């Protein structure tokens, strides 16, 4: 009597969510220590669900760092204005 071979589980795509970026006048974006682009023109990031550390740098201004919890059901907004 033969036993059917086990089929390997298919990898599931990670659950993603959106982070909207509103930085003035501009900023270099890092996500979890890795460069992610410059805003503007960057206005949103698609990240895996869960916690992420976002840092925004603008010239000689002190960097702005925040931790966000990304959720697949609703966007998270990161706002910051340098020089105010």
N, C-alpha and C. Protein backbone atom coordinates (compact mmCIF):
# COMPACT_ATOMS: atom_id res chain seq x y z
N UNK A 1 0.86 -1.19 0.00
CA UNK A 1 0.00 0.00 0.00
C UNK A 1 0.90 1.24 0.00
N UNK A 2 0.65 2.16 -0.95
CA UNK A 2 1.49 3.38 -1.04
C UNK A 2 0.84 4.55 -0.34
N UNK A 3 1.67 5.32 0.34
CA UNK A 3 1.19 6.54 0.99
C UNK A 3 1.49 7.71 0.05
N UNK A 4 0.50 8.57 -0.20
CA UNK A 4 0.77 9.71 -1.10
C UNK A 4 1.85 10.62 -0.50
N UNK A 5 2.71 11.14 -1.37
CA UNK A 5 3.78 12.05 -0.91
C UNK A 5 3.16 13.35 -0.41
N UNK A 6 3.74 13.86 0.62
CA UNK A 6 3.25 15.13 1.17
C UNK A 6 3.59 16.25 0.19
N UNK A 7 2.62 17.10 -0.05
CA UNK A 7 2.88 18.24 -0.93
C UNK A 7 3.46 19.38 -0.11
N UNK A 8 4.55 19.99 -0.60
CA UNK A 8 5.11 21.10 0.17
C UNK A 8 4.13 22.27 0.21
N UNK A 9 4.08 22.94 1.33
CA UNK A 9 3.18 24.09 1.47
C UNK A 9 3.66 25.21 0.57
N UNK A 10 2.72 25.87 -0.07
CA UNK A 10 3.08 27.00 -0.93
C UNK A 10 3.37 28.20 -0.03
N UNK A 11 4.45 28.94 -0.32
CA UNK A 11 4.71 30.12 0.49
C UNK A 11 3.62 31.16 0.28
N UNK A 12 3.20 31.77 1.34
CA UNK A 12 2.15 32.79 1.22
C UNK A 12 2.81 34.16 1.12
N UNK A 13 2.19 35.02 0.35
CA UNK A 13 2.72 36.38 0.19
C UNK A 13 2.57 37.11 1.52
N UNK A 14 3.56 37.93 1.88
CA UNK A 14 3.44 38.67 3.13
C UNK A 14 2.28 39.66 3.08
N UNK A 15 1.67 39.91 4.22
CA UNK A 15 0.58 40.87 4.31
C UNK A 15 1.20 42.26 4.27
N UNK A 16 0.68 43.09 3.37
CA UNK A 16 1.25 44.42 3.17
C UNK A 16 0.28 45.51 3.62
N UNK A 17 0.83 46.67 3.93
CA UNK A 17 0.04 47.83 4.28
C UNK A 17 0.71 49.08 3.72
N UNK A 18 0.04 50.21 3.83
CA UNK A 18 0.53 51.46 3.25
C UNK A 18 0.86 52.47 4.34
N UNK A 19 2.01 53.14 4.16
CA UNK A 19 2.39 54.26 5.01
C UNK A 19 2.42 55.49 4.11
N UNK A 20 1.58 56.49 4.43
CA UNK A 20 1.56 57.73 3.66
C UNK A 20 2.55 58.70 4.30
N UNK A 21 3.35 59.36 3.47
CA UNK A 21 4.40 60.25 3.95
C UNK A 21 4.02 61.70 3.61
N UNK A 22 4.01 62.56 4.63
CA UNK A 22 3.75 63.99 4.43
C UNK A 22 4.83 64.76 5.17
N UNK A 23 5.92 65.08 4.46
CA UNK A 23 7.06 65.76 5.05
C UNK A 23 7.29 67.07 4.31
N UNK A 24 7.54 68.14 5.06
CA UNK A 24 7.79 69.44 4.45
C UNK A 24 9.09 70.01 5.00
N UNK A 25 9.95 70.63 4.23
CA UNK A 25 9.85 70.80 2.78
C UNK A 25 10.25 69.55 2.01
N UNK A 26 11.17 68.72 2.54
CA UNK A 26 11.57 67.47 1.88
C UNK A 26 12.27 66.61 2.92
N UNK A 27 12.50 65.34 2.60
CA UNK A 27 13.21 64.48 3.53
C UNK A 27 13.69 63.21 2.87
N UNK A 28 14.83 62.72 3.36
CA UNK A 28 15.34 61.42 2.94
C UNK A 28 14.75 60.39 3.89
N UNK A 29 14.09 59.37 3.36
CA UNK A 29 13.36 58.40 4.16
C UNK A 29 14.19 57.13 4.35
N UNK A 30 14.25 56.65 5.58
CA UNK A 30 14.85 55.35 5.89
C UNK A 30 13.79 54.51 6.59
N UNK A 31 13.72 53.25 6.23
CA UNK A 31 12.81 52.32 6.90
C UNK A 31 13.66 51.21 7.50
N UNK A 32 13.58 51.06 8.80
CA UNK A 32 14.36 50.04 9.52
C UNK A 32 15.84 50.11 9.17
N UNK A 33 16.35 51.36 9.04
CA UNK A 33 17.77 51.57 8.79
C UNK A 33 18.20 51.48 7.34
N UNK A 34 17.25 51.23 6.42
CA UNK A 34 17.60 51.12 5.00
C UNK A 34 16.99 52.29 4.21
N UNK A 35 17.75 52.88 3.27
CA UNK A 35 17.20 53.99 2.47
C UNK A 35 15.96 53.54 1.70
N UNK A 36 14.95 54.44 1.66
CA UNK A 36 13.71 54.11 0.96
C UNK A 36 13.32 55.15 -0.07
N UNK A 37 14.06 56.27 -0.15
CA UNK A 37 13.73 57.29 -1.15
C UNK A 37 13.67 58.67 -0.54
N UNK A 38 13.30 59.63 -1.38
CA UNK A 38 13.20 61.03 -0.97
C UNK A 38 11.77 61.51 -1.20
N UNK A 39 11.25 62.25 -0.22
CA UNK A 39 9.92 62.82 -0.35
C UNK A 39 10.02 64.33 -0.39
N UNK A 40 9.27 65.06 -1.23
CA UNK A 40 8.68 64.50 -2.43
C UNK A 40 9.75 64.09 -3.43
N UNK A 41 9.50 63.29 -4.41
CA UNK A 41 8.21 62.84 -4.92
C UNK A 41 7.59 61.66 -4.18
N UNK A 42 8.38 60.92 -3.37
CA UNK A 42 7.83 59.77 -2.66
C UNK A 42 6.70 60.23 -1.74
N UNK A 43 5.54 59.61 -1.85
CA UNK A 43 4.42 60.01 -0.99
C UNK A 43 3.83 58.84 -0.22
N UNK A 44 4.19 57.61 -0.60
CA UNK A 44 3.70 56.46 0.17
C UNK A 44 4.67 55.30 0.03
N UNK A 45 4.66 54.47 1.06
CA UNK A 45 5.48 53.26 1.09
C UNK A 45 4.57 52.07 1.27
N UNK A 46 4.88 50.97 0.63
CA UNK A 46 4.16 49.73 0.87
C UNK A 46 5.10 48.84 1.67
N UNK A 47 4.71 48.54 2.91
CA UNK A 47 5.55 47.78 3.83
C UNK A 47 4.80 46.57 4.36
N UNK A 48 5.55 45.59 4.83
CA UNK A 48 4.91 44.43 5.44
C UNK A 48 4.20 44.85 6.71
N UNK A 49 3.13 44.18 7.04
CA UNK A 49 2.38 44.48 8.25
C UNK A 49 3.27 44.25 9.46
N UNK A 50 3.09 45.08 10.48
CA UNK A 50 3.89 44.98 11.70
C UNK A 50 4.58 46.29 12.00
N UNK A 51 5.52 46.26 12.94
CA UNK A 51 6.20 47.48 13.38
C UNK A 51 7.41 47.82 12.50
N UNK A 52 7.53 49.09 12.19
CA UNK A 52 8.67 49.59 11.41
C UNK A 52 9.14 50.91 12.01
N UNK A 53 10.44 51.13 11.93
CA UNK A 53 11.03 52.39 12.41
C UNK A 53 11.34 53.24 11.18
N UNK A 54 10.76 54.43 11.14
CA UNK A 54 10.93 55.34 10.01
C UNK A 54 11.71 56.56 10.48
N UNK A 55 12.79 56.87 9.74
CA UNK A 55 13.60 58.05 10.04
C UNK A 55 13.58 58.96 8.82
N UNK A 56 13.41 60.26 9.08
CA UNK A 56 13.40 61.25 8.01
C UNK A 56 14.53 62.24 8.28
N UNK A 57 15.38 62.45 7.28
CA UNK A 57 16.51 63.37 7.42
C UNK A 57 16.36 64.51 6.41
N UNK A 58 16.75 65.72 6.86
CA UNK A 58 16.68 66.90 6.01
C UNK A 58 17.88 67.79 6.33
N UNK A 59 18.95 67.66 5.52
CA UNK A 59 20.13 68.50 5.68
C UNK A 59 20.68 68.48 7.09
N UNK A 60 20.90 69.68 7.66
CA UNK A 60 21.48 69.81 9.00
C UNK A 60 20.45 69.73 10.12
N UNK A 61 19.17 69.62 9.78
CA UNK A 61 18.13 69.51 10.81
C UNK A 61 18.28 68.19 11.56
N UNK A 62 17.89 68.16 12.84
CA UNK A 62 17.90 66.88 13.55
C UNK A 62 16.95 65.90 12.87
N UNK A 63 17.34 64.63 12.77
CA UNK A 63 16.45 63.65 12.12
C UNK A 63 15.18 63.45 12.94
N UNK A 64 14.10 63.12 12.25
CA UNK A 64 12.82 62.79 12.88
C UNK A 64 12.66 61.28 12.77
N UNK A 65 12.47 60.61 13.91
CA UNK A 65 12.29 59.15 13.91
C UNK A 65 11.00 58.81 14.63
N UNK A 66 10.26 57.87 14.04
CA UNK A 66 9.03 57.39 14.66
C UNK A 66 8.88 55.91 14.38
N UNK A 67 8.15 55.23 15.24
CA UNK A 67 7.82 53.82 15.02
C UNK A 67 6.35 53.74 14.67
N UNK A 68 6.05 53.03 13.59
CA UNK A 68 4.66 52.87 13.15
C UNK A 68 4.29 51.40 13.15
N UNK A 69 3.01 51.14 13.35
CA UNK A 69 2.49 49.78 13.22
C UNK A 69 1.66 49.74 11.94
N UNK A 70 2.18 49.04 10.95
CA UNK A 70 1.52 48.95 9.64
C UNK A 70 0.44 47.88 9.71
N UNK A 71 -0.73 48.24 9.19
CA UNK A 71 -1.89 47.37 9.19
C UNK A 71 -2.41 47.27 7.76
N UNK A 72 -2.78 46.08 7.33
CA UNK A 72 -3.25 45.88 5.96
C UNK A 72 -4.61 46.53 5.71
N UNK A 73 -5.36 46.84 6.76
CA UNK A 73 -6.72 47.33 6.57
C UNK A 73 -6.84 48.85 6.47
N UNK A 74 -5.84 49.58 6.98
CA UNK A 74 -5.92 51.05 6.87
C UNK A 74 -4.53 51.66 6.81
N UNK A 75 -4.37 52.74 6.02
CA UNK A 75 -3.06 53.38 5.89
C UNK A 75 -2.64 54.07 7.18
N UNK A 76 -1.33 54.16 7.37
CA UNK A 76 -0.75 54.91 8.48
C UNK A 76 -0.15 56.17 7.88
N UNK A 77 -0.29 57.31 8.57
CA UNK A 77 0.24 58.56 8.05
C UNK A 77 1.39 59.03 8.94
N UNK A 78 2.52 59.37 8.30
CA UNK A 78 3.66 59.97 9.00
C UNK A 78 3.77 61.40 8.51
N UNK A 79 3.63 62.37 9.45
CA UNK A 79 3.71 63.79 9.09
C UNK A 79 4.84 64.44 9.88
N UNK A 80 5.59 65.31 9.21
CA UNK A 80 6.62 66.08 9.92
C UNK A 80 6.97 67.31 9.11
N UNK A 81 7.20 68.41 9.82
CA UNK A 81 7.63 69.64 9.16
C UNK A 81 8.96 70.05 9.77
N UNK A 82 10.00 70.13 8.96
CA UNK A 82 11.30 70.55 9.44
C UNK A 82 11.33 72.07 9.58
N UNK A 83 12.07 72.53 10.58
CA UNK A 83 12.24 73.97 10.76
C UNK A 83 11.12 74.65 11.51
N UNK A 84 10.24 73.89 12.13
CA UNK A 84 9.15 74.54 12.88
C UNK A 84 9.21 74.17 14.34
